[in-house]
Amino acid sequence: MDLQDQLKNLFPDHEASEVSTDSLKPKGDVPLQQEPLVCKYEKRKGKATTLIEGFMGTEAEFKILAKKLKKELNVGGSVKNGSLIMQGDFRDKIMQLLVSMGFKVKRVGG
């Protein structure tokens, strides 16, 4: 008995729903965002951090995007107050990944 079967036994009336990652892809020629994402570098407590700001989707979509970026770069990070904070200076790699996903990206600072 796997986890899904156990959950169905515990909660028979619950309908499972998954967040689709298709909403992160641009639809046709129209980009998902009108304004570009801002990718900037900061030092926090003496350590390098990369911030991504300006995402105009839902918080769930932003968390999916953050998870995808963190997994691709093998780094830690978090989503707080509408911005993604990633450990390390990965502006170039992040910008390449976001452009390949169809986002417009603007580099700020350095």
N, C-alpha and C. Protein backbone atom coordinates (compact mmCIF):
# COMPACT_ATOMS: atom_id res chain seq x y z
N MET A 1 0.85 -1.17 0.00
CA MET A 1 0.00 0.00 0.00
C MET A 1 0.90 1.24 0.00
N ASP A 2 0.77 2.06 -1.04
CA ASP A 2 1.61 3.25 -1.12
C ASP A 2 0.94 4.43 -0.42
N LEU A 3 1.62 5.54 -0.42
CA LEU A 3 1.16 6.72 0.30
C LEU A 3 -0.17 7.23 -0.23
N GLN A 4 -0.35 7.21 -1.55
CA GLN A 4 -1.60 7.70 -2.14
C GLN A 4 -2.80 6.88 -1.67
N ASP A 5 -2.63 5.56 -1.59
CA ASP A 5 -3.71 4.70 -1.11
C ASP A 5 -4.02 4.97 0.35
N GLN A 6 -2.99 5.18 1.16
CA GLN A 6 -3.20 5.48 2.57
C GLN A 6 -3.95 6.80 2.74
N LEU A 7 -3.59 7.79 1.95
CA LEU A 7 -4.28 9.08 2.03
C LEU A 7 -5.73 8.96 1.60
N LYS A 8 -5.99 8.16 0.58
CA LYS A 8 -7.38 7.95 0.14
C LYS A 8 -8.20 7.26 1.23
N ASN A 9 -7.58 6.34 1.97
CA ASN A 9 -8.28 5.67 3.06
C ASN A 9 -8.58 6.63 4.20
N LEU A 10 -7.64 7.52 4.50
CA LEU A 10 -7.83 8.48 5.59
C LEU A 10 -8.81 9.59 5.23
N PHE A 11 -8.75 10.06 3.97
CA PHE A 11 -9.59 11.17 3.53
C PHE A 11 -10.31 10.78 2.25
N PRO A 12 -11.39 10.01 2.34
CA PRO A 12 -12.04 9.53 1.11
C PRO A 12 -12.72 10.63 0.29
N ASP A 13 -13.12 11.73 0.92
CA ASP A 13 -13.84 12.79 0.20
C ASP A 13 -12.91 13.82 -0.43
N HIS A 14 -11.63 13.76 -0.13
CA HIS A 14 -10.68 14.77 -0.61
C HIS A 14 -10.31 14.51 -2.07
N GLU A 15 -10.35 15.58 -2.86
CA GLU A 15 -9.93 15.51 -4.26
C GLU A 15 -8.52 16.08 -4.36
N ALA A 16 -7.60 15.30 -4.85
CA ALA A 16 -6.21 15.75 -4.98
C ALA A 16 -6.10 16.71 -6.16
N SER A 17 -5.35 17.78 -5.94
CA SER A 17 -5.12 18.73 -7.02
C SER A 17 -3.64 19.06 -7.04
N GLU A 18 -3.09 19.20 -8.23
CA GLU A 18 -1.68 19.53 -8.39
C GLU A 18 -1.56 20.88 -9.07
N VAL A 19 -0.54 21.62 -8.70
CA VAL A 19 -0.26 22.89 -9.34
C VAL A 19 0.48 22.60 -10.63
N SER A 20 -0.04 23.11 -11.70
CA SER A 20 0.55 22.85 -13.01
C SER A 20 1.74 23.77 -13.25
N THR A 21 2.83 23.20 -13.77
CA THR A 21 3.98 24.02 -14.10
C THR A 21 3.85 24.61 -15.50
N ASP A 22 2.78 24.26 -16.22
CA ASP A 22 2.57 24.82 -17.55
C ASP A 22 2.31 26.32 -17.50
N SER A 23 1.81 26.81 -16.36
CA SER A 23 1.51 28.23 -16.25
C SER A 23 2.79 29.07 -16.21
N LEU A 24 3.95 28.44 -15.98
CA LEU A 24 5.21 29.17 -15.97
C LEU A 24 5.74 29.41 -17.37
N LYS A 25 5.26 28.66 -18.34
CA LYS A 25 5.70 28.84 -19.72
C LYS A 25 4.87 29.94 -20.37
N PRO A 26 5.48 30.74 -21.21
CA PRO A 26 4.70 31.75 -21.91
C PRO A 26 3.73 31.09 -22.88
N LYS A 27 2.57 31.69 -23.03
CA LYS A 27 1.53 31.15 -23.90
C LYS A 27 1.63 31.83 -25.25
N GLY A 28 2.06 31.07 -26.25
CA GLY A 28 2.21 31.62 -27.59
C GLY A 28 3.34 32.63 -27.62
N ASP A 29 3.10 33.74 -28.31
CA ASP A 29 4.11 34.79 -28.40
C ASP A 29 3.98 35.81 -27.27
N VAL A 30 2.91 35.70 -26.48
CA VAL A 30 2.68 36.65 -25.40
C VAL A 30 3.42 36.16 -24.16
N PRO A 31 4.37 36.95 -23.64
CA PRO A 31 5.09 36.51 -22.44
C PRO A 31 4.19 36.55 -21.22
N LEU A 32 4.53 35.76 -20.23
CA LEU A 32 3.77 35.70 -19.00
C LEU A 32 3.82 37.03 -18.26
N GLN A 33 4.94 37.73 -18.35
CA GLN A 33 5.16 38.97 -17.64
C GLN A 33 5.26 40.14 -18.61
N GLN A 34 4.73 41.26 -18.23
CA GLN A 34 4.90 42.47 -19.02
C GLN A 34 6.21 43.14 -18.66
N GLU A 35 6.53 43.18 -17.37
CA GLU A 35 7.77 43.79 -16.89
C GLU A 35 8.83 42.70 -16.71
N PRO A 36 10.10 43.01 -16.93
CA PRO A 36 11.14 42.00 -16.75
C PRO A 36 11.39 41.68 -15.28
N LEU A 37 11.85 40.46 -15.02
CA LEU A 37 12.28 40.10 -13.68
C LEU A 37 13.59 40.81 -13.40
N VAL A 38 13.78 41.25 -12.17
CA VAL A 38 14.99 41.95 -11.78
C VAL A 38 15.90 40.96 -11.06
N CYS A 39 17.11 40.81 -11.58
CA CYS A 39 18.10 39.90 -11.01
C CYS A 39 19.24 40.75 -10.46
N LYS A 40 19.41 40.73 -9.13
CA LYS A 40 20.46 41.57 -8.57
C LYS A 40 21.27 40.84 -7.51
N TYR A 41 22.44 41.38 -7.24
CA TYR A 41 23.41 40.80 -6.34
C TYR A 41 23.50 41.66 -5.08
N GLU A 42 23.52 41.01 -3.92
CA GLU A 42 23.69 41.72 -2.66
C GLU A 42 24.58 40.89 -1.75
N LYS A 43 25.15 41.56 -0.77
CA LYS A 43 25.86 40.85 0.28
C LYS A 43 25.02 40.98 1.54
N ARG A 44 24.74 39.86 2.16
CA ARG A 44 23.99 39.84 3.41
C ARG A 44 24.81 39.09 4.44
N LYS A 45 25.11 39.78 5.52
CA LYS A 45 25.95 39.23 6.58
C LYS A 45 27.27 38.72 6.02
N GLY A 46 27.82 39.43 5.06
CA GLY A 46 29.11 39.09 4.48
C GLY A 46 29.08 38.00 3.44
N LYS A 47 27.90 37.48 3.12
CA LYS A 47 27.80 36.39 2.14
C LYS A 47 27.07 36.87 0.90
N ALA A 48 27.47 36.30 -0.24
CA ALA A 48 26.88 36.69 -1.52
C ALA A 48 25.49 36.10 -1.66
N THR A 49 24.54 36.91 -2.11
CA THR A 49 23.18 36.43 -2.39
C THR A 49 22.71 37.02 -3.71
N THR A 50 21.86 36.26 -4.38
CA THR A 50 21.24 36.71 -5.62
C THR A 50 19.75 36.85 -5.36
N LEU A 51 19.18 37.97 -5.75
CA LEU A 51 17.76 38.22 -5.54
C LEU A 51 17.04 38.30 -6.88
N ILE A 52 15.88 37.67 -6.96
CA ILE A 52 15.01 37.76 -8.13
C ILE A 52 13.73 38.43 -7.65
N GLU A 53 13.37 39.54 -8.28
CA GLU A 53 12.18 40.29 -7.89
C GLU A 53 11.36 40.62 -9.12
N GLY A 54 10.08 40.94 -8.89
CA GLY A 54 9.23 41.41 -9.96
C GLY A 54 8.37 40.35 -10.61
N PHE A 55 8.23 39.16 -10.00
CA PHE A 55 7.38 38.11 -10.57
C PHE A 55 5.93 38.49 -10.36
N MET A 56 5.11 38.40 -11.42
CA MET A 56 3.73 38.86 -11.35
C MET A 56 2.71 37.74 -11.30
N GLY A 57 3.12 36.52 -11.06
CA GLY A 57 2.19 35.41 -10.94
C GLY A 57 1.76 35.22 -9.50
N THR A 58 1.14 34.09 -9.22
CA THR A 58 0.74 33.78 -7.86
C THR A 58 1.95 33.33 -7.05
N GLU A 59 1.78 33.31 -5.75
CA GLU A 59 2.89 32.89 -4.89
C GLU A 59 3.22 31.41 -5.11
N ALA A 60 2.21 30.59 -5.38
CA ALA A 60 2.46 29.17 -5.65
C ALA A 60 3.30 28.99 -6.91
N GLU A 61 3.00 29.76 -7.96
CA GLU A 61 3.79 29.69 -9.19
C GLU A 61 5.22 30.16 -8.95
N PHE A 62 5.37 31.19 -8.12
CA PHE A 62 6.71 31.71 -7.82
C PHE A 62 7.52 30.68 -7.04
N LYS A 63 6.86 29.96 -6.14
CA LYS A 63 7.56 28.91 -5.38
C LYS A 63 7.97 27.77 -6.29
N ILE A 64 7.15 27.43 -7.27
CA ILE A 64 7.52 26.39 -8.23
C ILE A 64 8.72 26.83 -9.06
N LEU A 65 8.70 28.08 -9.51
CA LEU A 65 9.84 28.61 -10.25
C LEU A 65 11.10 28.61 -9.40
N ALA A 66 10.97 29.02 -8.13
CA ALA A 66 12.11 29.04 -7.22
C ALA A 66 12.68 27.64 -7.02
N LYS A 67 11.80 26.68 -6.85
CA LYS A 67 12.25 25.30 -6.64
C LYS A 67 12.99 24.79 -7.87
N LYS A 68 12.48 25.13 -9.03
CA LYS A 68 13.12 24.70 -10.28
C LYS A 68 14.51 25.31 -10.42
N LEU A 69 14.63 26.60 -10.12
CA LEU A 69 15.92 27.28 -10.22
C LEU A 69 16.92 26.74 -9.19
N LYS A 70 16.46 26.55 -7.96
CA LYS A 70 17.34 26.05 -6.91
C LYS A 70 17.82 24.64 -7.23
N LYS A 71 16.94 23.83 -7.77
CA LYS A 71 17.31 22.46 -8.10
C LYS A 71 18.30 22.43 -9.27
N GLU A 72 18.08 23.29 -10.24
CA GLU A 72 18.97 23.34 -11.41
C GLU A 72 20.39 23.80 -11.02
N LEU A 73 20.47 24.73 -10.08
CA LEU A 73 21.77 25.29 -9.68
C LEU A 73 22.36 24.61 -8.44
N ASN A 74 21.60 23.73 -7.80
CA ASN A 74 22.05 23.03 -6.59
C ASN A 74 22.45 24.00 -5.49
N VAL A 75 21.58 24.96 -5.20
CA VAL A 75 21.84 25.93 -4.15
C VAL A 75 20.61 26.05 -3.26
N GLY A 76 20.78 26.67 -2.12
CA GLY A 76 19.67 26.92 -1.22
C GLY A 76 19.10 28.30 -1.45
N GLY A 77 17.94 28.51 -0.89
CA GLY A 77 17.30 29.82 -1.03
C GLY A 77 15.90 29.78 -0.46
N SER A 78 15.23 30.92 -0.51
CA SER A 78 13.87 31.01 0.01
C SER A 78 13.10 32.09 -0.72
N VAL A 79 11.78 32.01 -0.61
CA VAL A 79 10.89 33.02 -1.17
C VAL A 79 10.32 33.81 0.00
N LYS A 80 10.64 35.11 0.04
CA LYS A 80 10.16 35.96 1.12
C LYS A 80 9.74 37.31 0.54
N ASN A 81 8.59 37.78 0.95
CA ASN A 81 8.11 39.12 0.58
C ASN A 81 8.15 39.37 -0.92
N GLY A 82 7.78 38.40 -1.71
CA GLY A 82 7.71 38.57 -3.16
C GLY A 82 9.05 38.55 -3.86
N SER A 83 10.10 38.10 -3.19
CA SER A 83 11.40 37.99 -3.85
C SER A 83 12.03 36.65 -3.53
N LEU A 84 12.81 36.15 -4.46
CA LEU A 84 13.53 34.90 -4.29
C LEU A 84 14.95 35.24 -3.89
N ILE A 85 15.39 34.72 -2.76
CA ILE A 85 16.73 34.97 -2.25
C ILE A 85 17.50 33.65 -2.38
N MET A 86 18.56 33.67 -3.20
CA MET A 86 19.36 32.47 -3.42
C MET A 86 20.76 32.68 -2.89
N GLN A 87 21.35 31.62 -2.34
CA GLN A 87 22.69 31.70 -1.80
C GLN A 87 23.71 31.68 -2.93
N GLY A 88 24.63 32.63 -2.92
CA GLY A 88 25.69 32.68 -3.92
C GLY A 88 25.39 33.66 -5.04
N ASP A 89 26.41 33.93 -5.85
CA ASP A 89 26.29 34.84 -6.98
C ASP A 89 26.11 34.02 -8.25
N PHE A 90 24.88 33.82 -8.66
CA PHE A 90 24.55 33.01 -9.84
C PHE A 90 23.76 33.81 -10.87
N ARG A 91 24.01 35.12 -10.95
CA ARG A 91 23.21 35.97 -11.83
C ARG A 91 23.25 35.51 -13.28
N ASP A 92 24.42 35.19 -13.80
CA ASP A 92 24.52 34.80 -15.21
C ASP A 92 23.76 33.52 -15.50
N LYS A 93 23.93 32.51 -14.66
CA LYS A 93 23.25 31.23 -14.88
C LYS A 93 21.75 31.37 -14.72
N ILE A 94 21.32 32.14 -13.70
CA ILE A 94 19.89 32.34 -13.47
C ILE A 94 19.27 33.08 -14.65
N MET A 95 19.96 34.09 -15.15
CA MET A 95 19.43 34.85 -16.28
C MET A 95 19.29 33.96 -17.51
N GLN A 96 20.26 33.09 -17.76
CA GLN A 96 20.17 32.17 -18.90
C GLN A 96 18.99 31.22 -18.74
N LEU A 97 18.79 30.69 -17.52
CA LEU A 97 17.68 29.77 -17.29
C LEU A 97 16.33 30.47 -17.47
N LEU A 98 16.21 31.69 -16.93
CA LEU A 98 14.95 32.42 -17.04
C LEU A 98 14.64 32.80 -18.49
N VAL A 99 15.66 33.19 -19.24
CA VAL A 99 15.45 33.53 -20.65
C VAL A 99 15.03 32.27 -21.42
N SER A 100 15.62 31.13 -21.10
CA SER A 100 15.23 29.89 -21.79
C SER A 100 13.80 29.48 -21.45
N MET A 101 13.29 29.91 -20.28
CA MET A 101 11.90 29.64 -19.90
C MET A 101 10.94 30.65 -20.53
N GLY A 102 11.47 31.72 -21.12
CA GLY A 102 10.62 32.70 -21.79
C GLY A 102 10.41 33.98 -21.02
N PHE A 103 11.13 34.19 -19.95
CA PHE A 103 10.99 35.41 -19.16
C PHE A 103 11.94 36.48 -19.68
N LYS A 104 11.56 37.74 -19.48
CA LYS A 104 12.47 38.85 -19.71
C LYS A 104 13.21 39.09 -18.40
N VAL A 105 14.51 39.34 -18.49
CA VAL A 105 15.30 39.51 -17.27
C VAL A 105 16.15 40.77 -17.39
N LYS A 106 16.22 41.52 -16.30
CA LYS A 106 17.03 42.73 -16.25
C LYS A 106 18.06 42.57 -15.13
N ARG A 107 19.33 42.79 -15.47
CA ARG A 107 20.40 42.65 -14.50
C ARG A 107 20.64 43.99 -13.81
N VAL A 108 20.70 43.98 -12.48
CA VAL A 108 20.89 45.19 -11.70
C VAL A 108 22.10 45.01 -10.80
N GLY A 109 23.00 45.96 -10.81
CA GLY A 109 24.15 45.94 -9.90
C GLY A 109 25.28 45.07 -10.39
N GLY A 110 26.34 45.66 -10.82
CA GLY A 110 27.56 44.93 -11.18
C GLY A 110 27.49 44.24 -12.44
